[in-house]
Structure formats: structure tokens, C-alpha cells
Amino acid sequence: TEGVFTTTAADLVFTDGELVDESGQ
């Protein structure tokens, strides 16, 4: 995330995520 801010003109950065259950699976 920091790399995007330092190398682009980004003002807000967001990512994808992996959905997991309660136990983290």
C-alpha cells in the first residue's frame, strides 16, 4: 500500500480480500 502512495498520485488505495470463515478457513 505504501509503495502505491510513493510511486503514483494515488490519494486513496484499497485492496481485494480473501473471504474466510470464523476459523480462518
PDB file of all heavy atoms in Angstrom:
ATOM      1  N   THR A   1       0.830  -1.209   0.000  1.00  0.00           N
ATOM      2  CA  THR A   1       0.000   0.000   0.000  1.00  0.00           C
ATOM      3  C   THR A   1       0.858   1.249   0.000  1.00  0.00           C
ATOM      4  O   THR A   1       0.623   2.184  -0.780  1.00  0.00           O
ATOM      5  CB  THR A   1      -0.939  -0.004   1.223  1.00  0.00           C
ATOM      6  OG1 THR A   1      -1.802  -1.157   1.168  1.00  0.00           O
ATOM      7  CG2 THR A   1      -1.790   1.254   1.257  1.00  0.00           C
ATOM      8  N   GLU A   2       1.867   1.279   0.846  1.00  0.00           N
ATOM      9  CA  GLU A   2       2.780   2.423   0.886  1.00  0.00           C
ATOM     10  C   GLU A   2       3.477   2.605  -0.457  1.00  0.00           C
ATOM     11  O   GLU A   2       3.667   3.744  -0.930  1.00  0.00           O
ATOM     12  CB  GLU A   2       3.816   2.234   1.991  1.00  0.00           C
ATOM     13  CG  GLU A   2       4.775   3.415   2.119  1.00  0.00           C
ATOM     14  CD  GLU A   2       5.861   3.155   3.145  1.00  0.00           C
ATOM     15  OE1 GLU A   2       6.423   2.047   3.159  1.00  0.00           O
ATOM     16  OE2 GLU A   2       6.153   4.072   3.939  1.00  0.00           O
ATOM     17  N   GLY A   3       3.844   1.500  -1.084  1.00  0.00           N
ATOM     18  CA  GLY A   3       4.519   1.582  -2.378  1.00  0.00           C
ATOM     19  C   GLY A   3       3.678   2.272  -3.431  1.00  0.00           C
ATOM     20  O   GLY A   3       4.204   3.029  -4.257  1.00  0.00           O
ATOM     21  N   VAL A   4       2.380   2.041  -3.405  1.00  0.00           N
ATOM     22  CA  VAL A   4       1.498   2.713  -4.354  1.00  0.00           C
ATOM     23  C   VAL A   4       1.479   4.220  -4.084  1.00  0.00           C
ATOM     24  O   VAL A   4       1.573   5.031  -5.015  1.00  0.00           O
ATOM     25  CB  VAL A   4       0.068   2.145  -4.268  1.00  0.00           C
ATOM     26  CG1 VAL A   4      -0.894   2.978  -5.116  1.00  0.00           C
ATOM     27  CG2 VAL A   4       0.048   0.695  -4.729  1.00  0.00           C
ATOM     28  N   PHE A   5       1.387   4.602  -2.835  1.00  0.00           N
ATOM     29  CA  PHE A   5       1.359   6.032  -2.496  1.00  0.00           C
ATOM     30  C   PHE A   5       2.655   6.736  -2.905  1.00  0.00           C
ATOM     31  O   PHE A   5       2.633   7.895  -3.318  1.00  0.00           O
ATOM     32  CB  PHE A   5       1.118   6.225  -1.002  1.00  0.00           C
ATOM     33  CG  PHE A   5      -0.313   6.090  -0.589  1.00  0.00           C
ATOM     34  CD1 PHE A   5      -0.728   5.031   0.211  1.00  0.00           C
ATOM     35  CD2 PHE A   5      -1.265   7.020  -0.977  1.00  0.00           C
ATOM     36  CE1 PHE A   5      -2.046   4.902   0.608  1.00  0.00           C
ATOM     37  CE2 PHE A   5      -2.591   6.907  -0.590  1.00  0.00           C
ATOM     38  CZ  PHE A   5      -2.983   5.839   0.205  1.00  0.00           C
ATOM     39  N   THR A   6       3.777   6.051  -2.782  1.00  0.00           N
ATOM     40  CA  THR A   6       5.062   6.696  -3.068  1.00  0.00           C
ATOM     41  C   THR A   6       5.423   6.702  -4.546  1.00  0.00           C
ATOM     42  O   THR A   6       6.278   7.479  -4.964  1.00  0.00           O
ATOM     43  CB  THR A   6       6.196   6.014  -2.281  1.00  0.00           C
ATOM     44  OG1 THR A   6       6.218   4.624  -2.599  1.00  0.00           O
ATOM     45  CG2 THR A   6       5.990   6.194  -0.780  1.00  0.00           C
ATOM     46  N   THR A   7       4.782   5.858  -5.333  1.00  0.00           N
ATOM     47  CA  THR A   7       5.146   5.766  -6.752  1.00  0.00           C
ATOM     48  C   THR A   7       4.053   6.252  -7.695  1.00  0.00           C
ATOM     49  O   THR A   7       4.270   6.302  -8.904  1.00  0.00           O
ATOM     50  CB  THR A   7       5.488   4.306  -7.122  1.00  0.00           C
ATOM     51  OG1 THR A   7       4.356   3.463  -6.855  1.00  0.00           O
ATOM     52  CG2 THR A   7       6.693   3.822  -6.330  1.00  0.00           C
ATOM     53  N   THR A   8       2.892   6.597  -7.172  1.00  0.00           N
ATOM     54  CA  THR A   8       1.790   7.085  -8.006  1.00  0.00           C
ATOM     55  C   THR A   8       1.193   8.331  -7.362  1.00  0.00           C
ATOM     56  O   THR A   8       1.608   8.754  -6.277  1.00  0.00           O
ATOM     57  CB  THR A   8       0.673   6.030  -8.157  1.00  0.00           C
ATOM     58  OG1 THR A   8      -0.065   5.937  -6.931  1.00  0.00           O
ATOM     59  CG2 THR A   8       1.255   4.669  -8.514  1.00  0.00           C
ATOM     60  N   ALA A   9       0.202   8.891  -8.022  1.00  0.00           N
ATOM     61  CA  ALA A   9      -0.511  10.050  -7.490  1.00  0.00           C
ATOM     62  C   ALA A   9      -1.770   9.630  -6.738  1.00  0.00           C
ATOM     63  O   ALA A   9      -2.716  10.418  -6.593  1.00  0.00           O
ATOM     64  CB  ALA A   9      -0.880  11.003  -8.629  1.00  0.00           C
ATOM     65  N   ALA A  10      -1.779   8.404  -6.228  1.00  0.00           N
ATOM     66  CA  ALA A  10      -2.956   7.888  -5.539  1.00  0.00           C
ATOM     67  C   ALA A  10      -3.249   8.690  -4.272  1.00  0.00           C
ATOM     68  O   ALA A  10      -2.336   9.075  -3.536  1.00  0.00           O
ATOM     69  CB  ALA A  10      -2.759   6.420  -5.186  1.00  0.00           C
ATOM     70  N   ASP A  11      -4.528   8.912  -4.018  1.00  0.00           N
ATOM     71  CA  ASP A  11      -4.982   9.577  -2.790  1.00  0.00           C
ATOM     72  C   ASP A  11      -5.696   8.610  -1.865  1.00  0.00           C
ATOM     73  O   ASP A  11      -5.752   8.829  -0.662  1.00  0.00           O
ATOM     74  CB  ASP A  11      -5.908  10.740  -3.139  1.00  0.00           C
ATOM     75  CG  ASP A  11      -5.199  11.807  -3.936  1.00  0.00           C
ATOM     76  OD1 ASP A  11      -4.321  12.473  -3.367  1.00  0.00           O
ATOM     77  OD2 ASP A  11      -5.500  11.964  -5.137  1.00  0.00           O
ATOM     78  N   LEU A  12      -6.260   7.559  -2.427  1.00  0.00           N
ATOM     79  CA  LEU A  12      -6.898   6.501  -1.648  1.00  0.00           C
ATOM     80  C   LEU A  12      -6.575   5.174  -2.323  1.00  0.00           C
ATOM     81  O   LEU A  12      -6.747   5.025  -3.530  1.00  0.00           O
ATOM     82  CB  LEU A  12      -8.417   6.718  -1.575  1.00  0.00           C
ATOM     83  CG  LEU A  12      -9.227   5.732  -0.716  1.00  0.00           C
ATOM     84  CD1 LEU A  12     -10.466   6.421  -0.138  1.00  0.00           C
ATOM     85  CD2 LEU A  12      -9.649   4.484  -1.483  1.00  0.00           C
ATOM     86  N   VAL A  13      -6.064   4.233  -1.538  1.00  0.00           N
ATOM     87  CA  VAL A  13      -5.679   2.918  -2.036  1.00  0.00           C
ATOM     88  C   VAL A  13      -6.520   1.875  -1.308  1.00  0.00           C
ATOM     89  O   VAL A  13      -6.759   1.983  -0.099  1.00  0.00           O
ATOM     90  CB  VAL A  13      -4.179   2.647  -1.800  1.00  0.00           C
ATOM     91  CG1 VAL A  13      -3.806   1.235  -2.229  1.00  0.00           C
ATOM     92  CG2 VAL A  13      -3.334   3.680  -2.543  1.00  0.00           C
ATOM     93  N   PHE A  14      -6.975   0.875  -2.041  1.00  0.00           N
ATOM     94  CA  PHE A  14      -7.714  -0.219  -1.411  1.00  0.00           C
ATOM     95  C   PHE A  14      -7.362  -1.518  -2.107  1.00  0.00           C
ATOM     96  O   PHE A  14      -6.847  -1.516  -3.229  1.00  0.00           O
ATOM     97  CB  PHE A  14      -9.224   0.036  -1.446  1.00  0.00           C
ATOM     98  CG  PHE A  14      -9.814   0.093  -2.826  1.00  0.00           C
ATOM     99  CD1 PHE A  14     -10.510  -0.980  -3.340  1.00  0.00           C
ATOM    100  CD2 PHE A  14      -9.680   1.235  -3.613  1.00  0.00           C
ATOM    101  CE1 PHE A  14     -11.058  -0.937  -4.617  1.00  0.00           C
ATOM    102  CE2 PHE A  14     -10.223   1.293  -4.887  1.00  0.00           C
ATOM    103  CZ  PHE A  14     -10.911   0.206  -5.389  1.00  0.00           C
ATOM    104  N   THR A  15      -7.615  -2.631  -1.443  1.00  0.00           N
ATOM    105  CA  THR A  15      -7.192  -3.931  -1.949  1.00  0.00           C
ATOM    106  C   THR A  15      -8.365  -4.900  -1.999  1.00  0.00           C
ATOM    107  O   THR A  15      -9.434  -4.651  -1.432  1.00  0.00           O
ATOM    108  CB  THR A  15      -6.086  -4.536  -1.066  1.00  0.00           C
ATOM    109  OG1 THR A  15      -6.674  -5.194   0.061  1.00  0.00           O
ATOM    110  CG2 THR A  15      -5.113  -3.478  -0.580  1.00  0.00           C
ATOM    111  N   ASP A  16      -8.120  -6.020  -2.638  1.00  0.00           N
ATOM    112  CA  ASP A  16      -9.058  -7.131  -2.587  1.00  0.00           C
ATOM    113  C   ASP A  16      -8.821  -7.888  -1.278  1.00  0.00           C
ATOM    114  O   ASP A  16      -7.866  -7.616  -0.540  1.00  0.00           O
ATOM    115  CB  ASP A  16      -8.837  -8.047  -3.800  1.00  0.00           C
ATOM    116  CG  ASP A  16     -10.047  -8.910  -4.116  1.00  0.00           C
ATOM    117  OD1 ASP A  16     -11.012  -8.920  -3.324  1.00  0.00           O
ATOM    118  OD2 ASP A  16     -10.024  -9.587  -5.159  1.00  0.00           O
ATOM    119  N   GLY A  17      -9.692  -8.821  -0.975  1.00  0.00           N
ATOM    120  CA  GLY A  17      -9.544  -9.626   0.221  1.00  0.00           C
ATOM    121  C   GLY A  17     -10.043 -11.038  -0.009  1.00  0.00           C
ATOM    122  O   GLY A  17     -10.891 -11.284  -0.871  1.00  0.00           O
ATOM    123  N   GLU A  18      -9.521 -11.965   0.767  1.00  0.00           N
ATOM    124  CA  GLU A  18      -9.979 -13.359   0.711  1.00  0.00           C
ATOM    125  C   GLU A  18     -11.014 -13.567   1.803  1.00  0.00           C
ATOM    126  O   GLU A  18     -10.746 -13.287   2.982  1.00  0.00           O
ATOM    127  CB  GLU A  18      -8.808 -14.315   0.918  1.00  0.00           C
ATOM    128  CG  GLU A  18      -9.222 -15.776   0.926  1.00  0.00           C
ATOM    129  CD  GLU A  18      -8.084 -16.713   1.308  1.00  0.00           C
ATOM    130  OE1 GLU A  18      -7.023 -16.207   1.741  1.00  0.00           O
ATOM    131  OE2 GLU A  18      -8.261 -17.935   1.179  1.00  0.00           O
ATOM    132  N   LEU A  19     -12.195 -14.028   1.449  1.00  0.00           N
ATOM    133  CA  LEU A  19     -13.215 -14.304   2.448  1.00  0.00           C
ATOM    134  C   LEU A  19     -12.891 -15.612   3.156  1.00  0.00           C
ATOM    135  O   LEU A  19     -12.593 -16.626   2.515  1.00  0.00           O
ATOM    136  CB  LEU A  19     -14.602 -14.383   1.808  1.00  0.00           C
ATOM    137  CG  LEU A  19     -15.372 -13.063   1.720  1.00  0.00           C
ATOM    138  CD1 LEU A  19     -14.644 -12.074   0.811  1.00  0.00           C
ATOM    139  CD2 LEU A  19     -16.790 -13.282   1.215  1.00  0.00           C
ATOM    140  N   VAL A  20     -12.937 -15.566   4.499  1.00  0.00           N
ATOM    141  CA  VAL A  20     -12.666 -16.756   5.307  1.00  0.00           C
ATOM    142  C   VAL A  20     -13.786 -16.929   6.319  1.00  0.00           C
ATOM    143  O   VAL A  20     -14.521 -15.981   6.630  1.00  0.00           O
ATOM    144  CB  VAL A  20     -11.303 -16.657   6.026  1.00  0.00           C
ATOM    145  CG1 VAL A  20     -10.164 -16.526   5.026  1.00  0.00           C
ATOM    146  CG2 VAL A  20     -11.280 -15.487   7.016  1.00  0.00           C
ATOM    147  N   ASP A  21     -13.912 -18.125   6.853  1.00  0.00           N
ATOM    148  CA  ASP A  21     -14.943 -18.381   7.856  1.00  0.00           C
ATOM    149  C   ASP A  21     -14.428 -18.023   9.248  1.00  0.00           C
ATOM    150  O   ASP A  21     -13.336 -17.443   9.396  1.00  0.00           O
ATOM    151  CB  ASP A  21     -15.433 -19.824   7.787  1.00  0.00           C
ATOM    152  CG  ASP A  21     -14.345 -20.852   8.114  1.00  0.00           C
ATOM    153  OD1 ASP A  21     -13.291 -20.470   8.687  1.00  0.00           O
ATOM    154  OD2 ASP A  21     -14.542 -22.049   7.800  1.00  0.00           O
ATOM    155  N   GLU A  22     -15.194 -18.349  10.257  1.00  0.00           N
ATOM    156  CA  GLU A  22     -14.833 -17.973  11.625  1.00  0.00           C
ATOM    157  C   GLU A  22     -13.491 -18.525  12.053  1.00  0.00           C
ATOM    158  O   GLU A  22     -12.768 -17.892  12.825  1.00  0.00           O
ATOM    159  CB  GLU A  22     -15.936 -18.423  12.590  1.00  0.00           C
ATOM    160  CG  GLU A  22     -17.260 -17.711  12.378  1.00  0.00           C
ATOM    161  CD  GLU A  22     -18.228 -17.946  13.523  1.00  0.00           C
ATOM    162  OE1 GLU A  22     -17.824 -18.587  14.522  1.00  0.00           O
ATOM    163  OE2 GLU A  22     -19.373 -17.473  13.437  1.00  0.00           O
ATOM    164  N   SER A  23     -13.136 -19.697  11.544  1.00  0.00           N
ATOM    165  CA  SER A  23     -11.865 -20.316  11.940  1.00  0.00           C
ATOM    166  C   SER A  23     -10.710 -19.892  11.052  1.00  0.00           C
ATOM    167  O   SER A  23      -9.589 -20.353  11.235  1.00  0.00           O
ATOM    168  CB  SER A  23     -12.006 -21.846  11.918  1.00  0.00           C
ATOM    169  OG  SER A  23     -12.262 -22.306  10.601  1.00  0.00           O
ATOM    170  N   GLY A  24     -10.991 -19.021  10.081  1.00  0.00           N
ATOM    171  CA  GLY A  24      -9.944 -18.539   9.199  1.00  0.00           C
ATOM    172  C   GLY A  24      -9.741 -19.373   7.949  1.00  0.00           C
ATOM    173  O   GLY A  24      -8.793 -19.126   7.195  1.00  0.00           O
ATOM    174  N   GLN A  25     -10.625 -20.338   7.714  1.00  0.00           N
ATOM    175  CA  GLN A  25     -10.513 -21.184   6.528  1.00  0.00           C
ATOM    176  C   GLN A  25     -11.124 -20.475   5.321  1.00  0.00           C
ATOM    177  O   GLN A  25     -12.189 -19.867   5.406  1.00  0.00           O
ATOM    178  CB  GLN A  25     -11.226 -22.516   6.758  1.00  0.00           C
ATOM    179  CG  GLN A  25     -10.602 -23.366   7.854  1.00  0.00           C
ATOM    180  CD  GLN A  25      -9.157 -23.708   7.570  1.00  0.00           C
ATOM    181  OE1 GLN A  25      -8.837 -24.258   6.509  1.00  0.00           O
ATOM    182  NE2 GLN A  25      -8.272 -23.388   8.510  1.00  0.00           N
TER     183      GLN A  25
END
